[in-house]
Amino acid sequence: MQSETPTIPSFMEWKEVTSLVGSIQTRSLVAHPTTVEQCREALAYCRQHDMTICARGAGRGYGDLALNNGQALLDMSAMNRIVAFDEEAAQITVEAGMRIIDIYQAVHHRLLTLPASPTESHSSVAGAICANVNGKDAWRHGSFAHQVVRLTLLLASGETLNVDRSHELFNAVVGGIGMLGVIVD
């Protein structure tokens, strides 16, 4: 385990983290970013201190993959805002930590829904993309990622990359469990 140090950024803290069902508990350096710049700062801190970092959305995954015991955890749950909503085109841009249930609540007045939605509606959007989840209607609409038009990927270097469906990395990011970078919107 890395030594706990008082020089960590103000939005990061060492804390106990528990898996979804509570069967696994670890201690990780948890970053609670509210901006892409804070995500960059957390990545830079981890590079500087030779720590691994793993992104976590709503913590609804069934495994312990994102707990990253003794290392850093990028908790994206506070990055949960709607960036843009084009009601006419029925397209919404959200930050990575936005939960699917919150999207439903935001678009309900237009009677819109998400096809290929996972049955776990409290999952984060980025988590659903990274895990390439599907729902009961996946046989008809494909996985959740089939409705993603584009995403912004934060690379370990701190650079952001706009990735649309035609980008060579799109299919690698979908289901890639964050191995290529952190989805920020």
N, C-alpha and C. Protein backbone atom coordinates (compact mmCIF):
# COMPACT_ATOMS: atom_id res chain seq x y z
N MET A 1 0.85 -1.17 0.00
CA MET A 1 0.00 0.00 0.00
C MET A 1 0.89 1.23 0.00
N GLN A 2 0.51 2.23 -0.76
CA GLN A 2 1.25 3.48 -0.80
C GLN A 2 1.14 4.18 0.54
N SER A 3 2.19 4.90 0.90
CA SER A 3 2.12 5.65 2.15
C SER A 3 1.16 6.83 2.01
N GLU A 4 0.43 7.09 3.06
CA GLU A 4 -0.51 8.20 3.04
C GLU A 4 0.28 9.48 3.24
N THR A 5 0.03 10.47 2.41
CA THR A 5 0.80 11.69 2.43
C THR A 5 -0.12 12.90 2.50
N PRO A 6 0.27 13.94 3.26
CA PRO A 6 -0.58 15.12 3.37
C PRO A 6 -0.53 16.03 2.15
N THR A 7 0.28 15.73 1.14
CA THR A 7 0.41 16.60 -0.02
C THR A 7 -0.60 16.30 -1.12
N ILE A 8 -1.59 15.51 -0.84
CA ILE A 8 -2.56 15.16 -1.87
C ILE A 8 -3.49 16.35 -2.16
N PRO A 9 -4.00 16.45 -3.39
CA PRO A 9 -4.93 17.53 -3.72
C PRO A 9 -6.17 17.50 -2.81
N SER A 10 -6.79 18.64 -2.64
CA SER A 10 -7.91 18.78 -1.69
C SER A 10 -9.12 17.91 -2.03
N PHE A 11 -9.27 17.49 -3.28
CA PHE A 11 -10.41 16.66 -3.66
C PHE A 11 -10.09 15.16 -3.61
N MET A 12 -8.95 14.82 -3.02
CA MET A 12 -8.54 13.42 -2.89
C MET A 12 -8.37 13.08 -1.41
N GLU A 13 -8.73 11.84 -1.04
CA GLU A 13 -8.58 11.41 0.35
C GLU A 13 -8.45 9.90 0.41
N TRP A 14 -7.71 9.41 1.39
CA TRP A 14 -7.64 7.98 1.64
C TRP A 14 -8.92 7.57 2.35
N LYS A 15 -9.57 6.53 1.84
CA LYS A 15 -10.80 6.09 2.50
C LYS A 15 -11.08 4.63 2.20
N GLU A 16 -11.96 4.06 3.00
CA GLU A 16 -12.40 2.68 2.80
C GLU A 16 -13.41 2.67 1.65
N VAL A 17 -13.27 1.70 0.76
CA VAL A 17 -14.17 1.56 -0.37
C VAL A 17 -14.72 0.14 -0.35
N THR A 18 -16.02 0.02 -0.58
CA THR A 18 -16.68 -1.28 -0.51
C THR A 18 -17.27 -1.64 -1.86
N SER A 19 -17.24 -2.92 -2.18
CA SER A 19 -17.85 -3.40 -3.42
C SER A 19 -19.37 -3.25 -3.35
N LEU A 20 -20.04 -3.41 -4.47
CA LEU A 20 -21.48 -3.22 -4.57
C LEU A 20 -22.24 -4.02 -3.52
N VAL A 21 -21.90 -5.27 -3.34
CA VAL A 21 -22.64 -6.11 -2.40
C VAL A 21 -22.03 -6.11 -1.00
N GLY A 22 -20.94 -5.36 -0.82
CA GLY A 22 -20.33 -5.22 0.49
C GLY A 22 -19.42 -6.35 0.92
N SER A 23 -19.14 -7.26 0.02
CA SER A 23 -18.32 -8.42 0.40
C SER A 23 -16.83 -8.12 0.40
N ILE A 24 -16.42 -7.06 -0.27
CA ILE A 24 -14.99 -6.71 -0.35
C ILE A 24 -14.83 -5.27 0.10
N GLN A 25 -13.85 -5.04 0.96
CA GLN A 25 -13.57 -3.68 1.42
C GLN A 25 -12.07 -3.44 1.24
N THR A 26 -11.74 -2.28 0.68
CA THR A 26 -10.34 -1.92 0.46
C THR A 26 -10.10 -0.50 0.95
N ARG A 27 -8.85 -0.11 0.95
CA ARG A 27 -8.49 1.26 1.27
C ARG A 27 -7.79 1.83 0.05
N SER A 28 -8.34 2.92 -0.48
CA SER A 28 -7.81 3.52 -1.70
C SER A 28 -7.74 5.03 -1.54
N LEU A 29 -6.88 5.64 -2.34
CA LEU A 29 -6.82 7.09 -2.42
C LEU A 29 -7.90 7.51 -3.41
N VAL A 30 -8.98 8.07 -2.91
CA VAL A 30 -10.15 8.36 -3.75
C VAL A 30 -10.16 9.83 -4.15
N ALA A 31 -10.22 10.07 -5.44
CA ALA A 31 -10.36 11.42 -5.99
C ALA A 31 -11.83 11.63 -6.31
N HIS A 32 -12.36 12.79 -5.94
CA HIS A 32 -13.74 13.15 -6.21
C HIS A 32 -13.75 14.38 -7.13
N PRO A 33 -13.36 14.22 -8.40
CA PRO A 33 -13.29 15.38 -9.28
C PRO A 33 -14.68 15.90 -9.66
N THR A 34 -14.76 17.20 -9.89
CA THR A 34 -15.99 17.80 -10.39
C THR A 34 -15.75 18.42 -11.76
N THR A 35 -14.50 18.40 -12.22
CA THR A 35 -14.15 18.97 -13.52
C THR A 35 -13.13 18.06 -14.22
N VAL A 36 -12.99 18.24 -15.51
CA VAL A 36 -11.98 17.51 -16.27
C VAL A 36 -10.59 17.91 -15.78
N GLU A 37 -10.41 19.18 -15.43
CA GLU A 37 -9.12 19.64 -14.93
C GLU A 37 -8.73 18.90 -13.64
N GLN A 38 -9.67 18.66 -12.76
CA GLN A 38 -9.36 17.89 -11.55
C GLN A 38 -9.04 16.43 -11.89
N CYS A 39 -9.68 15.89 -12.91
CA CYS A 39 -9.32 14.54 -13.37
C CYS A 39 -7.87 14.52 -13.83
N ARG A 40 -7.49 15.53 -14.61
CA ARG A 40 -6.10 15.65 -15.06
C ARG A 40 -5.13 15.73 -13.87
N GLU A 41 -5.52 16.53 -12.89
CA GLU A 41 -4.68 16.70 -11.71
C GLU A 41 -4.51 15.37 -10.96
N ALA A 42 -5.58 14.60 -10.85
CA ALA A 42 -5.50 13.30 -10.19
C ALA A 42 -4.58 12.35 -10.97
N LEU A 43 -4.70 12.35 -12.29
CA LEU A 43 -3.83 11.50 -13.11
C LEU A 43 -2.37 11.92 -12.96
N ALA A 44 -2.12 13.23 -12.95
CA ALA A 44 -0.75 13.73 -12.80
C ALA A 44 -0.18 13.35 -11.43
N TYR A 45 -1.00 13.46 -10.39
CA TYR A 45 -0.56 13.07 -9.04
C TYR A 45 -0.16 11.59 -9.03
N CYS A 46 -0.96 10.77 -9.64
CA CYS A 46 -0.67 9.33 -9.66
C CYS A 46 0.59 9.03 -10.46
N ARG A 47 0.79 9.72 -11.58
CA ARG A 47 2.03 9.54 -12.34
C ARG A 47 3.23 9.93 -11.48
N GLN A 48 3.12 11.07 -10.80
CA GLN A 48 4.21 11.60 -9.99
C GLN A 48 4.55 10.67 -8.83
N HIS A 49 3.55 9.98 -8.29
CA HIS A 49 3.76 9.11 -7.13
C HIS A 49 3.74 7.62 -7.48
N ASP A 50 3.86 7.32 -8.77
CA ASP A 50 3.95 5.94 -9.25
C ASP A 50 2.80 5.07 -8.74
N MET A 51 1.59 5.63 -8.86
CA MET A 51 0.39 4.91 -8.42
C MET A 51 -0.47 4.57 -9.63
N THR A 52 -1.16 3.45 -9.54
CA THR A 52 -2.17 3.15 -10.55
C THR A 52 -3.45 3.89 -10.16
N ILE A 53 -4.29 4.13 -11.16
CA ILE A 53 -5.58 4.79 -10.90
C ILE A 53 -6.64 4.10 -11.72
N CYS A 54 -7.79 3.94 -11.14
CA CYS A 54 -8.90 3.27 -11.81
C CYS A 54 -10.13 4.16 -11.68
N ALA A 55 -10.84 4.36 -12.78
CA ALA A 55 -12.07 5.16 -12.75
C ALA A 55 -13.22 4.32 -12.23
N ARG A 56 -14.11 4.97 -11.51
CA ARG A 56 -15.32 4.31 -11.00
C ARG A 56 -16.48 5.28 -11.16
N GLY A 57 -17.59 4.78 -11.67
CA GLY A 57 -18.76 5.63 -11.87
C GLY A 57 -19.68 5.59 -10.66
N ALA A 58 -20.77 4.91 -10.79
CA ALA A 58 -21.76 4.84 -9.71
C ALA A 58 -21.48 3.68 -8.76
N GLY A 59 -20.46 2.89 -9.05
CA GLY A 59 -20.13 1.76 -8.18
C GLY A 59 -21.13 0.63 -8.27
N ARG A 60 -21.77 0.48 -9.42
CA ARG A 60 -22.82 -0.53 -9.57
C ARG A 60 -22.33 -1.81 -10.23
N GLY A 61 -21.04 -1.88 -10.54
CA GLY A 61 -20.49 -3.09 -11.14
C GLY A 61 -20.50 -4.24 -10.13
N TYR A 62 -20.71 -5.44 -10.60
CA TYR A 62 -20.82 -6.59 -9.72
C TYR A 62 -19.47 -7.10 -9.22
N GLY A 63 -18.39 -6.70 -9.88
CA GLY A 63 -17.06 -7.16 -9.47
C GLY A 63 -16.36 -6.12 -8.61
N ASP A 64 -15.13 -6.43 -8.26
CA ASP A 64 -14.35 -5.51 -7.44
C ASP A 64 -13.28 -4.81 -8.28
N LEU A 65 -13.46 -4.82 -9.58
CA LEU A 65 -12.48 -4.30 -10.53
C LEU A 65 -12.05 -2.88 -10.21
N ALA A 66 -12.96 -2.01 -9.83
CA ALA A 66 -12.65 -0.59 -9.64
C ALA A 66 -12.22 -0.23 -8.22
N LEU A 67 -12.00 -1.18 -7.35
CA LEU A 67 -11.64 -0.84 -5.98
C LEU A 67 -10.17 -0.43 -5.85
N ASN A 68 -9.28 -1.04 -6.61
CA ASN A 68 -7.87 -0.64 -6.72
C ASN A 68 -7.20 -0.50 -5.35
N ASN A 69 -7.22 -1.54 -4.59
CA ASN A 69 -6.71 -1.55 -3.22
C ASN A 69 -5.29 -0.98 -3.10
N GLY A 70 -5.14 -0.02 -2.19
CA GLY A 70 -3.84 0.58 -1.93
C GLY A 70 -3.37 1.56 -2.97
N GLN A 71 -4.18 1.77 -3.97
CA GLN A 71 -3.83 2.67 -5.07
C GLN A 71 -4.90 3.76 -5.16
N ALA A 72 -5.04 4.37 -6.32
CA ALA A 72 -5.98 5.49 -6.46
C ALA A 72 -7.25 5.08 -7.20
N LEU A 73 -8.31 5.76 -6.85
CA LEU A 73 -9.62 5.54 -7.44
C LEU A 73 -10.18 6.90 -7.88
N LEU A 74 -10.57 7.01 -9.12
CA LEU A 74 -11.14 8.24 -9.67
C LEU A 74 -12.66 8.09 -9.64
N ASP A 75 -13.28 8.59 -8.60
CA ASP A 75 -14.72 8.47 -8.41
C ASP A 75 -15.41 9.55 -9.24
N MET A 76 -16.03 9.15 -10.33
CA MET A 76 -16.62 10.09 -11.29
C MET A 76 -18.05 10.50 -10.93
N SER A 77 -18.56 10.07 -9.80
CA SER A 77 -19.98 10.28 -9.48
C SER A 77 -20.37 11.75 -9.34
N ALA A 78 -19.43 12.63 -9.01
CA ALA A 78 -19.77 14.05 -8.89
C ALA A 78 -19.80 14.76 -10.25
N MET A 79 -19.29 14.11 -11.27
CA MET A 79 -19.36 14.66 -12.63
C MET A 79 -20.63 14.10 -13.25
N ASN A 80 -21.76 14.67 -12.86
CA ASN A 80 -23.05 14.07 -13.20
C ASN A 80 -24.04 15.09 -13.76
N ARG A 81 -23.52 16.02 -14.51
CA ARG A 81 -24.38 17.09 -15.03
C ARG A 81 -24.73 16.86 -16.51
N ILE A 82 -25.84 17.45 -16.90
CA ILE A 82 -26.21 17.50 -18.32
C ILE A 82 -25.43 18.65 -18.93
N VAL A 83 -24.69 18.37 -19.98
CA VAL A 83 -23.90 19.38 -20.67
C VAL A 83 -24.75 20.07 -21.73
N ALA A 84 -25.54 19.29 -22.46
CA ALA A 84 -26.41 19.83 -23.51
C ALA A 84 -27.55 18.85 -23.75
N PHE A 85 -28.70 19.39 -24.13
CA PHE A 85 -29.86 18.56 -24.47
C PHE A 85 -30.55 19.19 -25.68
N ASP A 86 -30.41 18.54 -26.81
CA ASP A 86 -31.07 18.97 -28.04
C ASP A 86 -32.39 18.20 -28.11
N GLU A 87 -33.45 18.84 -27.67
CA GLU A 87 -34.75 18.16 -27.60
C GLU A 87 -35.27 17.77 -28.98
N GLU A 88 -35.03 18.59 -29.97
CA GLU A 88 -35.52 18.28 -31.32
C GLU A 88 -34.83 17.05 -31.90
N ALA A 89 -33.52 16.96 -31.71
CA ALA A 89 -32.76 15.81 -32.23
C ALA A 89 -32.80 14.63 -31.26
N ALA A 90 -33.34 14.86 -30.06
CA ALA A 90 -33.40 13.83 -29.01
C ALA A 90 -31.99 13.31 -28.70
N GLN A 91 -31.04 14.25 -28.56
CA GLN A 91 -29.67 13.90 -28.20
C GLN A 91 -29.27 14.66 -26.94
N ILE A 92 -28.65 13.94 -26.03
CA ILE A 92 -28.23 14.54 -24.77
C ILE A 92 -26.74 14.28 -24.57
N THR A 93 -26.05 15.29 -24.08
CA THR A 93 -24.64 15.15 -23.73
C THR A 93 -24.56 15.27 -22.22
N VAL A 94 -23.95 14.28 -21.60
CA VAL A 94 -23.86 14.25 -20.14
C VAL A 94 -22.42 13.96 -19.71
N GLU A 95 -22.11 14.33 -18.48
CA GLU A 95 -20.82 13.98 -17.92
C GLU A 95 -20.81 12.50 -17.56
N ALA A 96 -19.63 11.97 -17.38
CA ALA A 96 -19.42 10.53 -17.20
C ALA A 96 -20.17 9.93 -16.02
N GLY A 97 -20.31 10.67 -14.94
CA GLY A 97 -20.94 10.12 -13.74
C GLY A 97 -22.45 10.19 -13.72
N MET A 98 -23.06 10.77 -14.75
CA MET A 98 -24.53 10.86 -14.82
C MET A 98 -25.11 9.45 -14.82
N ARG A 99 -26.06 9.24 -13.95
CA ARG A 99 -26.71 7.93 -13.88
C ARG A 99 -27.84 7.85 -14.92
N ILE A 100 -28.09 6.67 -15.38
CA ILE A 100 -29.13 6.46 -16.39
C ILE A 100 -30.49 6.89 -15.87
N ILE A 101 -30.78 6.62 -14.61
CA ILE A 101 -32.07 7.02 -14.03
C ILE A 101 -32.22 8.54 -14.07
N ASP A 102 -31.11 9.28 -13.89
CA ASP A 102 -31.17 10.74 -13.92
C ASP A 102 -31.43 11.26 -15.34
N ILE A 103 -30.95 10.55 -16.33
CA ILE A 103 -31.26 10.92 -17.72
C ILE A 103 -32.76 10.73 -17.96
N TYR A 104 -33.27 9.59 -17.52
CA TYR A 104 -34.72 9.36 -17.67
C TYR A 104 -35.54 10.48 -17.05
N GLN A 105 -35.15 10.89 -15.86
CA GLN A 105 -35.89 11.96 -15.18
C GLN A 105 -35.78 13.28 -15.94
N ALA A 106 -34.64 13.54 -16.57
CA ALA A 106 -34.44 14.79 -17.28
C ALA A 106 -35.20 14.85 -18.61
N VAL A 107 -35.42 13.71 -19.24
CA VAL A 107 -36.05 13.71 -20.56
C VAL A 107 -37.50 13.21 -20.53
N HIS A 108 -37.97 12.86 -19.35
CA HIS A 108 -39.32 12.29 -19.23
C HIS A 108 -40.40 13.21 -19.81
N HIS A 109 -40.24 14.50 -19.65
CA HIS A 109 -41.25 15.44 -20.14
C HIS A 109 -41.42 15.36 -21.66
N ARG A 110 -40.42 14.82 -22.37
CA ARG A 110 -40.50 14.64 -23.82
C ARG A 110 -40.90 13.21 -24.18
N LEU A 111 -41.18 12.39 -23.19
CA LEU A 111 -41.54 10.98 -23.37
C LEU A 111 -40.47 10.22 -24.13
N LEU A 112 -39.20 10.55 -23.82
CA LEU A 112 -38.07 9.87 -24.45
C LEU A 112 -37.57 8.76 -23.54
N THR A 113 -36.97 7.77 -24.13
CA THR A 113 -36.37 6.67 -23.38
C THR A 113 -35.09 6.25 -24.08
N LEU A 114 -34.32 5.44 -23.42
CA LEU A 114 -33.07 4.94 -23.99
C LEU A 114 -33.25 3.48 -24.39
N PRO A 115 -33.14 3.18 -25.67
CA PRO A 115 -33.17 1.76 -26.05
C PRO A 115 -31.88 1.10 -25.57
N ALA A 116 -31.88 -0.18 -25.43
CA ALA A 116 -30.72 -0.95 -24.98
C ALA A 116 -30.21 -0.47 -23.63
N SER A 117 -31.12 -0.10 -22.78
CA SER A 117 -30.75 0.38 -21.45
C SER A 117 -30.55 -0.78 -20.50
N PRO A 118 -29.50 -0.71 -19.68
CA PRO A 118 -29.30 -1.79 -18.71
C PRO A 118 -30.42 -1.80 -17.68
N THR A 119 -30.68 -2.94 -17.12
CA THR A 119 -31.73 -3.04 -16.11
C THR A 119 -31.33 -2.35 -14.81
N GLU A 120 -30.05 -2.15 -14.60
CA GLU A 120 -29.55 -1.42 -13.42
C GLU A 120 -29.53 0.07 -13.77
N SER A 121 -30.62 0.76 -13.53
CA SER A 121 -30.77 2.15 -13.95
C SER A 121 -29.95 3.12 -13.12
N HIS A 122 -29.35 2.66 -12.04
CA HIS A 122 -28.50 3.54 -11.24
C HIS A 122 -27.04 3.48 -11.67
N SER A 123 -26.76 2.79 -12.77
CA SER A 123 -25.42 2.75 -13.35
C SER A 123 -25.09 4.10 -13.96
N SER A 124 -23.79 4.41 -14.02
CA SER A 124 -23.37 5.64 -14.68
C SER A 124 -23.28 5.39 -16.18
N VAL A 125 -23.38 6.47 -16.93
CA VAL A 125 -23.29 6.38 -18.38
C VAL A 125 -21.92 5.84 -18.80
N ALA A 126 -20.85 6.41 -18.26
CA ALA A 126 -19.51 5.94 -18.63
C ALA A 126 -19.30 4.48 -18.23
N GLY A 127 -19.84 4.10 -17.09
CA GLY A 127 -19.74 2.70 -16.67
C GLY A 127 -20.45 1.77 -17.64
N ALA A 128 -21.62 2.20 -18.10
CA ALA A 128 -22.38 1.39 -19.05
C ALA A 128 -21.63 1.25 -20.37
N ILE A 129 -20.93 2.31 -20.77
CA ILE A 129 -20.14 2.27 -22.01
C ILE A 129 -18.91 1.39 -21.81
N CYS A 130 -18.17 1.62 -20.73
CA CYS A 130 -16.93 0.88 -20.48
C CYS A 130 -17.16 -0.62 -20.34
N ALA A 131 -18.29 -0.99 -19.76
CA ALA A 131 -18.59 -2.40 -19.57
C ALA A 131 -19.39 -2.97 -20.74
N ASN A 132 -19.75 -2.12 -21.69
CA ASN A 132 -20.55 -2.53 -22.84
C ASN A 132 -21.79 -3.30 -22.39
N VAL A 133 -22.52 -2.71 -21.44
CA VAL A 133 -23.68 -3.39 -20.89
C VAL A 133 -24.83 -3.42 -21.89
N ASN A 134 -25.76 -4.27 -21.60
CA ASN A 134 -26.97 -4.33 -22.41
C ASN A 134 -28.15 -4.58 -21.49
N GLY A 135 -29.30 -4.45 -22.04
CA GLY A 135 -30.52 -4.66 -21.27
C GLY A 135 -31.38 -5.73 -21.90
N LYS A 136 -32.61 -5.77 -21.45
CA LYS A 136 -33.53 -6.80 -21.93
C LYS A 136 -33.85 -6.67 -23.41
N ASP A 137 -33.67 -5.47 -23.97
CA ASP A 137 -33.98 -5.27 -25.38
C ASP A 137 -32.72 -5.24 -26.26
N ALA A 138 -31.60 -5.75 -25.76
CA ALA A 138 -30.35 -5.75 -26.52
C ALA A 138 -30.46 -6.59 -27.80
N TRP A 139 -31.27 -7.61 -27.78
CA TRP A 139 -31.44 -8.44 -28.97
C TRP A 139 -31.97 -7.59 -30.13
N ARG A 140 -32.65 -6.51 -29.78
CA ARG A 140 -33.24 -5.67 -30.81
C ARG A 140 -32.42 -4.41 -31.09
N HIS A 141 -31.85 -3.80 -30.03
CA HIS A 141 -31.19 -2.51 -30.16
C HIS A 141 -29.68 -2.56 -29.98
N GLY A 142 -29.12 -3.72 -29.65
CA GLY A 142 -27.69 -3.81 -29.40
C GLY A 142 -27.37 -3.37 -27.98
N SER A 143 -26.09 -3.21 -27.69
CA SER A 143 -25.66 -2.81 -26.35
C SER A 143 -25.92 -1.32 -26.14
N PHE A 144 -25.72 -0.88 -24.91
CA PHE A 144 -25.91 0.53 -24.56
C PHE A 144 -25.07 1.44 -25.47
N ALA A 145 -23.87 1.01 -25.80
CA ALA A 145 -22.96 1.83 -26.61
C ALA A 145 -23.47 2.08 -28.02
N HIS A 146 -24.43 1.29 -28.49
CA HIS A 146 -24.97 1.52 -29.83
C HIS A 146 -25.69 2.86 -29.95
N GLN A 147 -26.07 3.45 -28.84
CA GLN A 147 -26.75 4.73 -28.91
C GLN A 147 -25.82 5.91 -28.59
N VAL A 148 -24.54 5.61 -28.36
CA VAL A 148 -23.57 6.66 -28.10
C VAL A 148 -23.10 7.24 -29.43
N VAL A 149 -23.22 8.55 -29.57
CA VAL A 149 -22.81 9.24 -30.80
C VAL A 149 -21.33 9.60 -30.74
N ARG A 150 -20.90 10.11 -29.59
CA ARG A 150 -19.49 10.46 -29.39
C ARG A 150 -19.20 10.53 -27.89
N LEU A 151 -17.93 10.50 -27.57
CA LEU A 151 -17.51 10.62 -26.19
C LEU A 151 -16.18 11.36 -26.14
N THR A 152 -15.86 11.89 -24.97
CA THR A 152 -14.56 12.53 -24.77
C THR A 152 -13.76 11.63 -23.85
N LEU A 153 -12.57 11.29 -24.29
CA LEU A 153 -11.70 10.38 -23.57
C LEU A 153 -10.50 11.16 -23.03
N LEU A 154 -10.26 11.05 -21.74
CA LEU A 154 -9.10 11.67 -21.11
C LEU A 154 -8.00 10.62 -21.05
N LEU A 155 -6.89 10.90 -21.71
CA LEU A 155 -5.78 9.97 -21.76
C LEU A 155 -4.89 10.15 -20.53
N ALA A 156 -4.06 9.17 -20.24
CA ALA A 156 -3.17 9.22 -19.08
C ALA A 156 -2.24 10.43 -19.14
N SER A 157 -1.93 10.90 -20.34
CA SER A 157 -1.06 12.06 -20.52
C SER A 157 -1.75 13.37 -20.13
N GLY A 158 -3.08 13.34 -19.96
CA GLY A 158 -3.85 14.54 -19.66
C GLY A 158 -4.52 15.13 -20.89
N GLU A 159 -4.19 14.59 -22.05
CA GLU A 159 -4.79 15.05 -23.31
C GLU A 159 -6.21 14.50 -23.42
N THR A 160 -7.11 15.30 -24.01
CA THR A 160 -8.46 14.80 -24.27
C THR A 160 -8.59 14.50 -25.75
N LEU A 161 -9.40 13.50 -26.03
CA LEU A 161 -9.61 13.04 -27.40
C LEU A 161 -11.11 12.93 -27.63
N ASN A 162 -11.61 13.56 -28.69
CA ASN A 162 -13.02 13.40 -29.06
C ASN A 162 -13.12 12.18 -29.95
N VAL A 163 -13.92 11.24 -29.51
CA VAL A 163 -14.04 9.95 -30.21
C VAL A 163 -15.50 9.78 -30.63
N ASP A 164 -15.73 9.79 -31.95
CA ASP A 164 -17.09 9.51 -32.43
C ASP A 164 -17.11 8.08 -32.98
N ARG A 165 -18.26 7.68 -33.46
CA ARG A 165 -18.43 6.28 -33.91
C ARG A 165 -17.48 5.90 -35.04
N SER A 166 -17.01 6.88 -35.82
CA SER A 166 -16.11 6.57 -36.93
C SER A 166 -14.64 6.54 -36.50
N HIS A 167 -14.34 6.96 -35.30
CA HIS A 167 -12.95 7.00 -34.81
C HIS A 167 -12.44 5.57 -34.60
N GLU A 168 -11.18 5.37 -34.92
CA GLU A 168 -10.60 4.03 -34.81
C GLU A 168 -10.60 3.47 -33.38
N LEU A 169 -10.67 4.33 -32.39
CA LEU A 169 -10.66 3.86 -31.00
C LEU A 169 -12.05 3.59 -30.43
N PHE A 170 -13.10 4.01 -31.11
CA PHE A 170 -14.44 3.91 -30.54
C PHE A 170 -14.74 2.50 -30.05
N ASN A 171 -14.58 1.51 -30.90
CA ASN A 171 -14.93 0.14 -30.52
C ASN A 171 -13.99 -0.44 -29.47
N ALA A 172 -12.79 0.11 -29.34
CA ALA A 172 -11.87 -0.35 -28.29
C ALA A 172 -12.24 0.26 -26.94
N VAL A 173 -12.78 1.48 -26.95
CA VAL A 173 -13.19 2.12 -25.70
C VAL A 173 -14.44 1.44 -25.16
N VAL A 174 -15.36 1.10 -26.06
CA VAL A 174 -16.59 0.41 -25.66
C VAL A 174 -16.21 -0.99 -25.17
N GLY A 175 -16.51 -1.25 -23.93
CA GLY A 175 -16.16 -2.54 -23.34
C GLY A 175 -14.71 -2.63 -22.90
N GLY A 176 -13.97 -1.54 -23.00
CA GLY A 176 -12.55 -1.55 -22.67
C GLY A 176 -12.24 -1.34 -21.20
N ILE A 177 -13.24 -1.22 -20.37
CA ILE A 177 -13.10 -1.09 -18.91
C ILE A 177 -12.07 -0.01 -18.53
N GLY A 178 -11.98 1.04 -19.33
CA GLY A 178 -11.11 2.16 -19.00
C GLY A 178 -9.64 1.96 -19.32
N MET A 179 -9.28 0.94 -20.03
CA MET A 179 -7.88 0.66 -20.31
C MET A 179 -7.23 1.71 -21.21
N LEU A 180 -8.00 2.41 -22.04
CA LEU A 180 -7.43 3.40 -22.94
C LEU A 180 -7.50 4.81 -22.41
N GLY A 181 -8.32 5.03 -21.41
CA GLY A 181 -8.47 6.35 -20.83
C GLY A 181 -9.77 6.44 -20.05
N VAL A 182 -10.03 7.63 -19.56
CA VAL A 182 -11.21 7.88 -18.74
C VAL A 182 -12.25 8.63 -19.58
N ILE A 183 -13.44 8.08 -19.68
CA ILE A 183 -14.52 8.77 -20.37
C ILE A 183 -14.97 9.91 -19.46
N VAL A 184 -14.97 11.14 -19.99
CA VAL A 184 -15.40 12.29 -19.17
C VAL A 184 -16.75 12.83 -19.59
N ASP A 185 -17.18 12.61 -20.84
CA ASP A 185 -18.56 12.93 -21.24
C ASP A 185 -18.94 12.11 -22.45
